[in-house]
Amino acid sequence: MMSWDKLLSNRRLGRSGATSDRGSGRSAFLSDIDRITFSASFRRLARKTQVFPLAANDHVHNRLTHSLEVSRVGRTLGSAVGWTLLHGSKYERHRPSNRTYLDFGAIVEAASLAHDIGHPPFGHAGDRALRHWFDHSDSADQLRKHLAKIEFTDLRNFDGNAQGFRRITQLDKDIFAGGLNLTYATLASYIKYPQWAATPSCKSGFFRTERDIVETISQDLALAKVGKGYARHPLSYLVESADDVCYGFLDLEDAVEMGILGLHDVAATLLQALPPTERKAYRPEADQHSHRIVFAKMRGKIFRAAIGAAVRSFFRNYDAILEGTFDCELLEDAATRGERAARVVLEAKRRARDEVFPFDHKASVELASYAVIARLLDEFVGAALAFAKAYARNASGPRVDSKSAILLDMLGDHQPKRANAPKGTDWTTHQCVRRMLDFISGMTDDFAIRVARQLSGQLDLRL
């Protein structure tokens, strides 16, 4: 079994030795929360799509509000698991030393706070648009000629989860030197797919550029080996559950807010999470239309039921999780065992997928996002190729055409230069194109549209 003493390591990426908590009044894991909260990447989530792109309704979730809510549910999940481990007699031999139940909560809260930090503009449509460009554009066909097959595949299989890991470990604050310098425990809890790099057949846990970081963290935490990779950190299952609880329930709330689904219809679905004897107290009256009040009253009760189901599933599968053999989501497992609230989470996710995501306005904006992303990639990848070619000729003073120079200047401190090459490598074509994906994926929805318009000659001359 994996050991909690190792799994809760407060060693920081990019720093030597473990972090000292003595006398500070703040644990290393609480510091992780602060580092993420005050990062520029986290701030930009306020202008990124959660479900409804470019929504005029301020009550609809964006990536920032979603991430904050997931982090709060994650903190509760982590603290509940930590309390049971530290105080339950059944787990006495597993108890970590010098850790409190609040440390468990803080680790899950930090990882939950960062869980969407790598998503591109336009939500999951942005992921699809990026991959579509690599599969279907003439520019991507030209790019393929300059890359090894495995490098092109790594770029083509862009995934917000993998990009988020790259962002917090490489791009924010200490560029290519540890990023936000988060603890190993938080970083491992963030990774949902540690056993895979990007492949066409499965989701990406990380890109090739971060493979050594994953290896270092996994070895230090003594994560169980699974095939050619590693098992998930046990607390990553709680991060996943926190996300499921929030977007399962809250996407339906947003659908009511947008007028796509009806209040009474959605309330009837969500209240199935509660025992029949408790539903009447939260059921809206027949003539009631104030959905915000109704959802505010029932939300806490429903969340507690779903959180309890996830915690019970964690301990029901405790041995398999600590051995690295558990291959399921906690709420899916709970649903198969008849847990009422878990079944409702899955039903809410199904309804969101089948009834909310195809909404006409949402679909039309997502379709436009393909054109925006394609325009950005055509231009910025072209500039990356120009720089890589010039750098290969003269690393000391690479000279590119004037348009490519302007595009490269837009990257600011992230612009490829000889002095800021990724640690242990250089500005290869693969690294240059990856840097452009970093820039584009970090854009907010509004900024992506504005830059695409500029590149298309649609000028806004106002200051």
Protein backbone atom coordinates (compact mmCIF):
# COMPACT_ATOMS: atom_id res chain seq x y z
CA MET A 1 0.00 0.00 0.00
CA MET A 2 0.98 3.59 -0.57
CA SER A 3 1.95 5.46 2.60
CA TRP A 4 0.18 8.64 3.73
CA ASP A 5 3.42 9.91 5.24
CA LYS A 6 4.89 9.99 1.73
CA LEU A 7 1.65 10.92 -0.05
CA LEU A 8 1.31 14.12 2.01
CA SER A 9 4.78 15.41 1.19
CA ASN A 10 5.19 19.19 1.45
CA ARG A 11 8.33 19.21 -0.71
CA ARG A 12 8.01 21.96 -3.32
CA LEU A 13 8.69 21.64 -7.03
CA GLY A 14 11.73 23.69 -7.94
CA ARG A 15 12.91 23.91 -4.35
CA SER A 16 15.35 21.71 -2.45
CA GLY A 17 14.12 19.99 0.69
CA ALA A 18 10.72 20.01 2.37
CA THR A 19 8.92 23.21 3.32
CA SER A 20 9.05 24.17 6.98
CA ASP A 21 5.72 25.05 8.58
CA ARG A 22 7.15 25.94 11.96
CA GLY A 23 6.10 29.22 13.46
CA SER A 24 4.31 30.47 10.34
CA GLY A 25 0.74 29.65 11.36
CA ARG A 26 0.18 28.56 7.78
CA SER A 27 0.86 25.12 6.38
CA ALA A 28 2.59 24.56 3.06
CA PHE A 29 -0.73 23.37 1.65
CA LEU A 30 -2.53 26.56 2.66
CA SER A 31 0.30 28.41 0.94
CA ASP A 32 -0.47 26.39 -2.20
CA ILE A 33 -4.02 27.76 -2.13
CA ASP A 34 -2.70 31.31 -1.92
CA ARG A 35 -0.18 30.81 -4.72
CA ILE A 36 -2.89 29.56 -7.06
CA THR A 37 -5.42 32.22 -6.03
CA PHE A 38 -3.03 35.10 -6.71
CA SER A 39 -1.69 33.75 -10.02
CA ALA A 40 -2.46 35.53 -13.28
CA SER A 41 -3.72 32.30 -14.83
CA PHE A 42 -6.31 31.86 -12.11
CA ARG A 43 -7.44 35.48 -12.45
CA ARG A 44 -8.08 35.01 -16.18
CA LEU A 45 -10.61 32.25 -15.46
CA ALA A 46 -13.11 35.02 -14.70
CA ARG A 47 -13.34 35.66 -18.46
CA LYS A 48 -13.42 32.04 -19.61
CA THR A 49 -16.41 29.92 -20.48
CA GLN A 50 -17.71 27.28 -18.09
CA VAL A 51 -20.74 26.04 -20.08
CA PHE A 52 -22.34 29.07 -21.75
CA PRO A 53 -19.86 31.06 -23.84
CA LEU A 54 -20.05 34.86 -23.73
CA ALA A 55 -23.21 34.80 -21.62
CA ALA A 56 -24.70 38.23 -20.87
CA ASN A 57 -26.33 36.88 -17.69
CA ASP A 58 -24.01 37.61 -14.77
CA HIS A 59 -25.54 34.82 -12.68
CA VAL A 60 -24.22 32.12 -15.01
CA HIS A 61 -21.01 30.38 -13.92
CA ASN A 62 -17.66 31.14 -15.50
CA ARG A 63 -14.49 29.12 -14.96
CA LEU A 64 -13.50 31.21 -11.95
CA THR A 65 -16.76 30.87 -10.01
CA HIS A 66 -16.90 27.17 -10.89
CA SER A 67 -13.33 26.63 -9.65
CA LEU A 68 -14.02 28.46 -6.39
CA GLU A 69 -17.10 26.34 -5.74
CA VAL A 70 -15.29 23.09 -6.58
CA SER A 71 -12.50 24.05 -4.19
CA ARG A 72 -14.97 24.52 -1.33
CA VAL A 73 -16.56 21.13 -1.93
CA GLY A 74 -13.07 19.65 -2.28
CA ARG A 75 -12.02 21.09 1.07
CA THR A 76 -15.02 19.46 2.75
CA LEU A 77 -14.32 16.12 1.08
CA GLY A 78 -10.63 16.19 2.02
CA SER A 79 -11.30 17.20 5.61
CA ALA A 80 -13.93 14.46 6.01
CA VAL A 81 -11.53 11.80 4.71
CA GLY A 82 -8.69 13.17 6.85
CA TRP A 83 -10.83 13.19 9.99
CA THR A 84 -11.82 9.55 9.52
CA LEU A 85 -8.24 8.48 8.84
CA LEU A 86 -6.86 10.30 11.87
CA HIS A 87 -9.62 9.41 14.31
CA GLY A 88 -11.07 6.11 13.10
CA SER A 89 -9.65 3.12 14.95
CA LYS A 90 -9.86 1.02 11.79
CA TYR A 91 -7.17 3.17 10.13
CA GLU A 92 -4.81 3.60 13.07
CA ARG A 93 -1.89 1.89 11.33
CA HIS A 94 -2.30 4.18 8.31
CA ARG A 95 -2.23 7.49 10.15
CA PRO A 96 0.34 9.99 8.88
CA SER A 97 2.57 11.71 11.41
CA ASN A 98 2.59 15.49 11.87
CA ARG A 99 -0.53 16.04 9.76
CA THR A 100 -4.04 17.16 10.69
CA TYR A 101 -7.35 16.52 8.98
CA LEU A 102 -7.19 20.15 7.82
CA ASP A 103 -4.07 19.31 5.78
CA PHE A 104 -6.10 16.79 3.80
CA GLY A 105 -8.74 19.44 3.20
CA ALA A 106 -6.19 22.06 2.13
CA ILE A 107 -4.49 19.73 -0.38
CA VAL A 108 -7.79 18.82 -2.03
CA GLU A 109 -8.89 22.46 -1.95
CA ALA A 110 -5.68 23.61 -3.67
CA ALA A 111 -5.83 20.94 -6.37
CA SER A 112 -9.55 21.65 -6.92
CA LEU A 113 -8.86 25.36 -7.18
CA ALA A 114 -6.40 24.69 -10.02
CA HIS A 115 -8.30 21.91 -11.75
CA ASP A 116 -9.53 24.08 -14.68
CA ILE A 117 -6.60 26.50 -14.86
CA GLY A 118 -5.34 25.07 -18.17
CA HIS A 119 -8.56 25.21 -20.15
CA PRO A 120 -8.46 27.34 -23.32
CA PRO A 121 -10.98 30.03 -24.29
CA PHE A 122 -14.53 28.85 -25.11
CA GLY A 123 -14.46 25.94 -22.66
CA HIS A 124 -14.36 22.41 -23.99
CA ALA A 125 -15.19 23.76 -27.44
CA GLY A 126 -11.75 25.37 -27.37
CA ASP A 127 -10.17 21.95 -26.73
CA ARG A 128 -12.03 20.52 -29.71
CA ALA A 129 -11.18 23.49 -31.93
CA LEU A 130 -7.47 23.14 -31.16
CA ARG A 131 -7.47 19.44 -32.01
CA HIS A 132 -9.57 20.09 -35.13
CA TRP A 133 -6.96 22.51 -36.46
CA PHE A 134 -4.20 19.91 -36.12
CA ASP A 135 -6.33 17.35 -37.93
CA HIS A 136 -7.73 19.43 -40.77
CA SER A 137 -5.77 22.62 -41.52
CA ASP A 138 -3.22 23.08 -44.29
CA SER A 139 -0.96 24.92 -41.84
CA ALA A 140 -0.92 21.87 -39.57
CA ASP A 141 0.06 19.71 -42.54
CA GLN A 142 3.06 21.98 -43.10
CA LEU A 143 3.90 21.87 -39.40
CA ARG A 144 3.87 18.07 -39.42
CA LYS A 145 6.86 18.10 -41.79
CA HIS A 146 9.01 19.85 -39.18
CA LEU A 147 8.23 17.56 -36.24
CA ALA A 148 8.77 13.99 -35.20
CA LYS A 149 5.55 11.98 -35.20
CA ILE A 150 5.47 11.74 -31.40
CA GLU A 151 5.96 15.52 -31.11
CA PHE A 152 3.10 16.26 -33.48
CA THR A 153 0.85 13.78 -31.64
CA ASP A 154 1.69 15.45 -28.34
CA LEU A 155 0.67 18.84 -29.73
CA ARG A 156 -2.38 17.54 -31.51
CA ASN A 157 -3.81 15.90 -28.39
CA PHE A 158 -4.20 19.15 -26.52
CA ASP A 159 -6.07 18.68 -23.25
CA GLY A 160 -6.99 21.24 -20.62
CA ASN A 161 -5.97 18.94 -17.76
CA ALA A 162 -2.47 18.45 -19.15
CA GLN A 163 -2.17 22.14 -20.00
CA GLY A 164 -3.16 23.03 -16.45
CA PHE A 165 -0.40 20.85 -15.04
CA ARG A 166 2.06 22.51 -17.40
CA ARG A 167 0.83 25.94 -16.37
CA ILE A 168 1.25 25.46 -12.62
CA THR A 169 4.58 23.62 -12.92
CA GLN A 170 6.26 25.51 -15.76
CA LEU A 171 4.63 28.76 -16.83
CA ASP A 172 3.48 30.89 -13.89
CA LYS A 173 5.99 32.80 -11.72
CA ASP A 174 9.20 30.74 -12.00
CA ILE A 175 9.13 29.99 -15.72
CA PHE A 176 10.62 26.55 -16.45
CA ALA A 177 11.91 26.44 -12.87
CA GLY A 178 8.98 25.03 -10.94
CA GLY A 179 6.20 27.43 -11.92
CA LEU A 180 4.15 28.19 -8.81
CA ASN A 181 6.45 25.89 -6.79
CA LEU A 182 3.52 23.95 -5.37
CA THR A 183 3.93 20.98 -3.06
CA TYR A 184 4.26 17.48 -4.46
CA ALA A 185 1.09 16.43 -2.62
CA THR A 186 -1.00 19.13 -4.31
CA LEU A 187 0.51 18.52 -7.74
CA ALA A 188 -0.09 14.78 -7.59
CA SER A 189 -3.65 15.32 -6.36
CA TYR A 190 -4.22 17.54 -9.39
CA ILE A 191 -3.22 14.86 -11.92
CA LYS A 192 -6.21 12.81 -12.99
CA TYR A 193 -4.37 10.60 -15.49
CA PRO A 194 -0.79 10.04 -14.23
CA GLN A 195 -0.30 6.82 -16.17
CA TRP A 196 -0.61 8.41 -19.61
CA ALA A 197 0.97 11.07 -21.74
CA ALA A 198 -1.03 12.40 -24.67
CA THR A 199 -2.26 9.64 -27.00
CA PRO A 200 -5.13 9.56 -29.48
CA SER A 201 -6.97 6.87 -27.50
CA CYS A 202 -7.21 8.43 -24.04
CA LYS A 203 -7.21 11.71 -22.16
CA SER A 204 -3.91 13.37 -21.41
CA GLY A 205 -2.60 13.53 -17.88
CA PHE A 206 0.46 15.47 -18.98
CA PHE A 207 2.47 16.39 -22.06
CA ARG A 208 5.87 15.01 -23.01
CA THR A 209 7.39 18.32 -21.89
CA GLU A 210 6.30 17.61 -18.29
CA ARG A 211 7.06 13.89 -18.22
CA ASP A 212 10.18 14.27 -16.07
CA ILE A 213 8.27 16.36 -13.53
CA VAL A 214 5.60 13.68 -13.20
CA GLU A 215 8.29 11.05 -12.79
CA THR A 216 10.04 13.04 -10.06
CA ILE A 217 6.85 13.68 -8.10
CA SER A 218 5.59 10.10 -8.46
CA GLN A 219 8.84 8.61 -7.24
CA ASP A 220 9.11 10.98 -4.28
CA LEU A 221 5.54 10.20 -3.17
CA ALA A 222 6.12 6.47 -3.81
CA LEU A 223 2.97 6.21 -5.93
CA ALA A 224 2.18 2.63 -6.92
CA LYS A 225 3.38 1.59 -10.37
CA VAL A 226 0.67 0.91 -12.95
CA GLY A 227 1.94 -0.44 -16.25
CA LYS A 228 4.43 2.07 -17.62
CA GLY A 229 3.16 4.82 -15.34
CA TYR A 230 1.84 5.39 -11.85
CA ALA A 231 -1.38 5.08 -9.89
CA ARG A 232 -3.42 8.14 -9.07
CA HIS A 233 -2.81 9.95 -5.82
CA PRO A 234 -5.69 8.90 -3.51
CA LEU A 235 -6.79 12.50 -2.98
CA SER A 236 -7.20 13.02 -6.73
CA TYR A 237 -10.40 10.96 -6.50
CA LEU A 238 -11.79 13.59 -4.14
CA VAL A 239 -10.88 16.42 -6.53
CA GLU A 240 -12.71 14.55 -9.28
CA SER A 241 -15.76 14.06 -7.05
CA ALA A 242 -15.85 17.73 -6.07
CA ASP A 243 -15.91 18.68 -9.75
CA ASP A 244 -18.65 16.15 -10.49
CA VAL A 245 -20.84 17.41 -7.65
CA CYS A 246 -20.53 21.05 -8.76
CA TYR A 247 -20.96 20.77 -12.48
CA GLY A 248 -23.53 18.02 -12.17
CA PHE A 249 -25.88 20.15 -10.09
CA LEU A 250 -24.85 23.69 -11.04
CA ASP A 251 -24.97 23.20 -14.82
CA LEU A 252 -28.68 22.47 -14.42
CA GLU A 253 -29.09 25.58 -12.26
CA ASP A 254 -27.45 27.60 -15.05
CA ALA A 255 -29.80 26.01 -17.56
CA VAL A 256 -32.77 27.27 -15.53
CA GLU A 257 -31.11 30.69 -15.28
CA MET A 258 -30.80 30.77 -19.08
CA GLY A 259 -34.37 29.63 -19.63
CA ILE A 260 -33.40 26.33 -21.25
CA LEU A 261 -34.92 24.09 -18.57
CA GLY A 262 -37.79 24.71 -16.19
CA LEU A 263 -37.46 25.26 -12.44
CA HIS A 264 -39.92 22.56 -11.38
CA ASP A 265 -38.46 20.03 -13.80
CA VAL A 266 -34.90 20.54 -12.56
CA ALA A 267 -35.93 20.72 -8.90
CA ALA A 268 -37.71 17.37 -9.28
CA THR A 269 -34.47 15.83 -10.60
CA LEU A 270 -32.20 17.30 -7.91
CA LEU A 271 -34.49 16.53 -5.00
CA GLN A 272 -34.21 12.82 -5.80
CA ALA A 273 -30.87 13.09 -3.97
CA LEU A 274 -32.75 13.45 -0.69
CA PRO A 275 -34.86 10.90 1.22
CA PRO A 276 -38.56 11.13 0.24
CA THR A 277 -39.49 12.45 3.68
CA GLU A 278 -37.20 15.49 3.26
CA ARG A 279 -38.12 16.56 -0.27
CA LYS A 280 -41.33 18.42 0.51
CA ALA A 281 -39.51 21.06 2.55
CA TYR A 282 -37.44 22.08 -0.48
CA ARG A 283 -39.92 21.53 -3.31
CA PRO A 284 -40.98 24.79 -5.03
CA GLU A 285 -44.62 25.75 -4.88
CA ALA A 286 -46.66 25.29 -8.04
CA ASP A 287 -46.79 29.04 -8.71
CA GLN A 288 -43.19 29.74 -7.65
CA HIS A 289 -40.78 31.09 -10.24
CA SER A 290 -37.90 32.49 -8.15
CA HIS A 291 -35.40 29.75 -8.97
CA ARG A 292 -32.47 31.41 -7.20
CA ILE A 293 -34.19 31.22 -3.83
CA VAL A 294 -35.28 27.63 -4.40
CA PHE A 295 -31.80 26.47 -5.39
CA ALA A 296 -30.13 28.42 -2.58
CA LYS A 297 -32.28 26.58 -0.03
CA MET A 298 -31.79 23.07 -1.40
CA ARG A 299 -28.18 23.30 -2.58
CA GLY A 300 -26.44 22.75 0.75
CA LYS A 301 -28.61 19.79 1.66
CA ILE A 302 -28.08 18.12 -1.72
CA PHE A 303 -24.33 18.78 -1.67
CA ARG A 304 -24.01 17.22 1.77
CA ALA A 305 -25.77 14.11 0.51
CA ALA A 306 -23.46 13.82 -2.51
CA ILE A 307 -20.33 14.51 -0.42
CA GLY A 308 -21.36 11.81 2.03
CA ALA A 309 -21.80 9.34 -0.84
CA ALA A 310 -18.31 10.13 -2.17
CA VAL A 311 -16.68 9.75 1.26
CA ARG A 312 -18.40 6.41 1.86
CA SER A 313 -17.25 5.22 -1.55
CA PHE A 314 -13.68 6.28 -0.75
CA PHE A 315 -13.54 4.17 2.38
CA ARG A 316 -15.47 1.31 0.84
CA ASN A 317 -12.69 1.08 -1.76
CA TYR A 318 -9.90 2.24 0.55
CA ASP A 319 -7.58 -0.73 0.12
CA ALA A 320 -7.86 -0.70 -3.67
CA ILE A 321 -7.24 3.06 -3.78
CA LEU A 322 -4.12 2.79 -1.60
CA GLU A 323 -2.90 -0.18 -3.65
CA GLY A 324 -3.41 1.74 -6.90
CA THR A 325 -5.89 -0.76 -8.33
CA PHE A 326 -9.15 1.22 -8.05
CA ASP A 327 -10.28 2.08 -11.58
CA CYS A 328 -13.54 3.98 -11.19
CA GLU A 329 -14.94 7.33 -10.13
CA LEU A 330 -16.14 7.46 -6.54
CA LEU A 331 -19.62 8.68 -7.42
CA GLU A 332 -20.01 6.13 -10.20
CA ASP A 333 -19.12 3.40 -7.73
CA ALA A 334 -21.56 4.86 -5.20
CA ALA A 335 -24.33 4.98 -7.81
CA THR A 336 -23.88 1.31 -8.70
CA ARG A 337 -24.32 0.51 -5.00
CA GLY A 338 -27.63 2.35 -4.82
CA GLU A 339 -26.48 5.63 -3.27
CA ARG A 340 -29.34 8.03 -4.04
CA ALA A 341 -27.33 11.26 -4.27
CA ALA A 342 -24.66 9.68 -6.47
CA ARG A 343 -27.30 8.48 -8.93
CA VAL A 344 -28.68 12.03 -9.12
CA VAL A 345 -25.22 13.46 -9.87
CA LEU A 346 -24.87 11.09 -12.82
CA GLU A 347 -28.41 11.89 -14.01
CA ALA A 348 -27.71 15.62 -13.75
CA LYS A 349 -24.54 15.20 -15.82
CA ARG A 350 -26.52 13.22 -18.43
CA ARG A 351 -29.21 15.89 -18.65
CA ALA A 352 -26.59 18.61 -19.03
CA ARG A 353 -24.92 16.67 -21.84
CA ASP A 354 -28.14 15.79 -23.69
CA GLU A 355 -30.39 18.79 -23.03
CA VAL A 356 -28.16 21.77 -22.20
CA PHE A 357 -24.97 21.45 -24.23
CA PRO A 358 -26.81 21.31 -27.62
CA PHE A 359 -28.58 24.65 -26.88
CA ASP A 360 -28.74 26.66 -30.15
CA HIS A 361 -26.95 29.83 -29.01
CA LYS A 362 -24.25 27.84 -27.27
CA ALA A 363 -23.72 25.72 -30.40
CA SER A 364 -23.51 28.76 -32.67
CA VAL A 365 -20.88 30.46 -30.49
CA GLU A 366 -18.90 27.23 -30.25
CA LEU A 367 -18.96 26.94 -34.04
CA ALA A 368 -17.54 30.47 -34.29
CA SER A 369 -14.81 29.48 -31.82
CA TYR A 370 -13.40 27.09 -34.42
CA ALA A 371 -12.78 30.03 -36.75
CA VAL A 372 -11.22 32.12 -33.97
CA ILE A 373 -8.89 29.35 -32.80
CA ALA A 374 -7.92 28.47 -36.38
CA ARG A 375 -7.00 32.07 -37.15
CA LEU A 376 -4.87 32.33 -34.03
CA LEU A 377 -3.08 29.05 -34.68
CA ASP A 378 -2.41 29.84 -38.34
CA GLU A 379 -0.67 33.07 -37.45
CA PHE A 380 1.10 32.22 -34.20
CA VAL A 381 2.30 28.78 -35.28
CA GLY A 382 3.62 30.42 -38.44
CA ALA A 383 5.60 32.85 -36.26
CA ALA A 384 6.87 29.92 -34.17
CA LEU A 385 8.16 28.15 -37.28
CA ALA A 386 9.84 31.34 -38.46
CA PHE A 387 11.57 31.77 -35.10
CA ALA A 388 12.64 28.11 -34.87
CA LYS A 389 14.16 28.32 -38.35
CA ALA A 390 15.99 31.57 -37.56
CA TYR A 391 17.15 30.24 -34.18
CA ALA A 392 18.62 27.14 -35.81
CA ARG A 393 20.65 29.40 -38.10
CA ASN A 394 21.80 31.85 -35.43
CA ALA A 395 20.86 31.27 -31.80
CA SER A 396 22.64 34.43 -30.65
CA GLY A 397 20.56 36.78 -32.80
CA PRO A 398 17.67 35.10 -34.62
CA ARG A 399 16.01 37.46 -37.10
CA VAL A 400 12.47 36.90 -38.30
CA ASP A 401 10.18 38.82 -40.64
CA SER A 402 8.44 41.90 -39.26
CA LYS A 403 5.00 40.30 -38.90
CA SER A 404 6.38 37.30 -37.00
CA ALA A 405 8.33 39.72 -34.78
CA ILE A 406 5.11 41.54 -33.82
CA LEU A 407 3.37 38.26 -33.05
CA LEU A 408 6.29 37.06 -30.95
CA ASP A 409 6.38 40.36 -29.05
CA MET A 410 2.78 39.75 -27.96
CA LEU A 411 4.04 36.90 -25.76
CA GLY A 412 5.90 39.35 -23.53
CA ASP A 413 8.12 37.56 -21.00
CA HIS A 414 7.09 34.26 -22.54
CA GLN A 415 8.57 35.10 -25.93
CA PRO A 416 11.20 32.51 -26.92
CA LYS A 417 14.72 33.84 -26.45
CA ARG A 418 18.09 32.21 -25.99
CA ALA A 419 18.15 33.16 -22.30
CA ASN A 420 14.76 31.63 -21.42
CA ALA A 421 14.85 28.26 -23.12
CA PRO A 422 13.18 25.37 -21.23
CA LYS A 423 15.50 23.80 -18.70
CA GLY A 424 17.52 20.93 -20.14
CA THR A 425 16.54 21.62 -23.74
CA ASP A 426 16.52 24.40 -26.31
CA TRP A 427 14.14 26.18 -28.67
CA THR A 428 13.32 23.32 -30.98
CA THR A 429 10.38 23.58 -33.35
CA HIS A 430 8.31 21.49 -30.94
CA GLN A 431 9.12 23.77 -28.00
CA CYS A 432 8.40 26.91 -30.03
CA VAL A 433 4.98 25.67 -31.15
CA ARG A 434 4.20 24.49 -27.64
CA ARG A 435 4.92 28.05 -26.44
CA MET A 436 2.34 29.38 -28.86
CA LEU A 437 -0.22 26.89 -27.56
CA ASP A 438 0.60 28.13 -24.06
CA PHE A 439 -0.20 31.68 -25.16
CA ILE A 440 -3.39 30.87 -27.07
CA SER A 441 -4.77 28.51 -24.43
CA GLY A 442 -4.15 31.15 -21.77
CA MET A 443 -6.31 33.71 -23.57
CA THR A 444 -9.70 34.73 -22.24
CA ASP A 445 -12.71 34.42 -24.55
CA ASP A 446 -12.80 38.18 -25.21
CA PHE A 447 -9.08 38.51 -25.84
CA ALA A 448 -9.04 35.57 -28.26
CA ILE A 449 -11.85 37.15 -30.28
CA ARG A 450 -10.16 40.56 -30.25
CA VAL A 451 -6.80 39.23 -31.45
CA ALA A 452 -8.46 37.08 -34.15
CA ARG A 453 -10.29 40.16 -35.42
CA GLN A 454 -7.05 42.13 -35.53
CA LEU A 455 -5.40 39.35 -37.51
CA SER A 456 -8.34 39.46 -39.94
CA GLY A 457 -7.96 43.22 -40.46
CA GLN A 458 -10.99 44.23 -38.36
CA LEU A 459 -9.45 47.15 -36.50
CA ASP A 460 -10.71 48.90 -33.40
CA LEU A 461 -8.86 52.20 -33.44
CA ARG A 462 -10.14 53.38 -30.06
CA LEU A 463 -7.54 53.64 -27.27
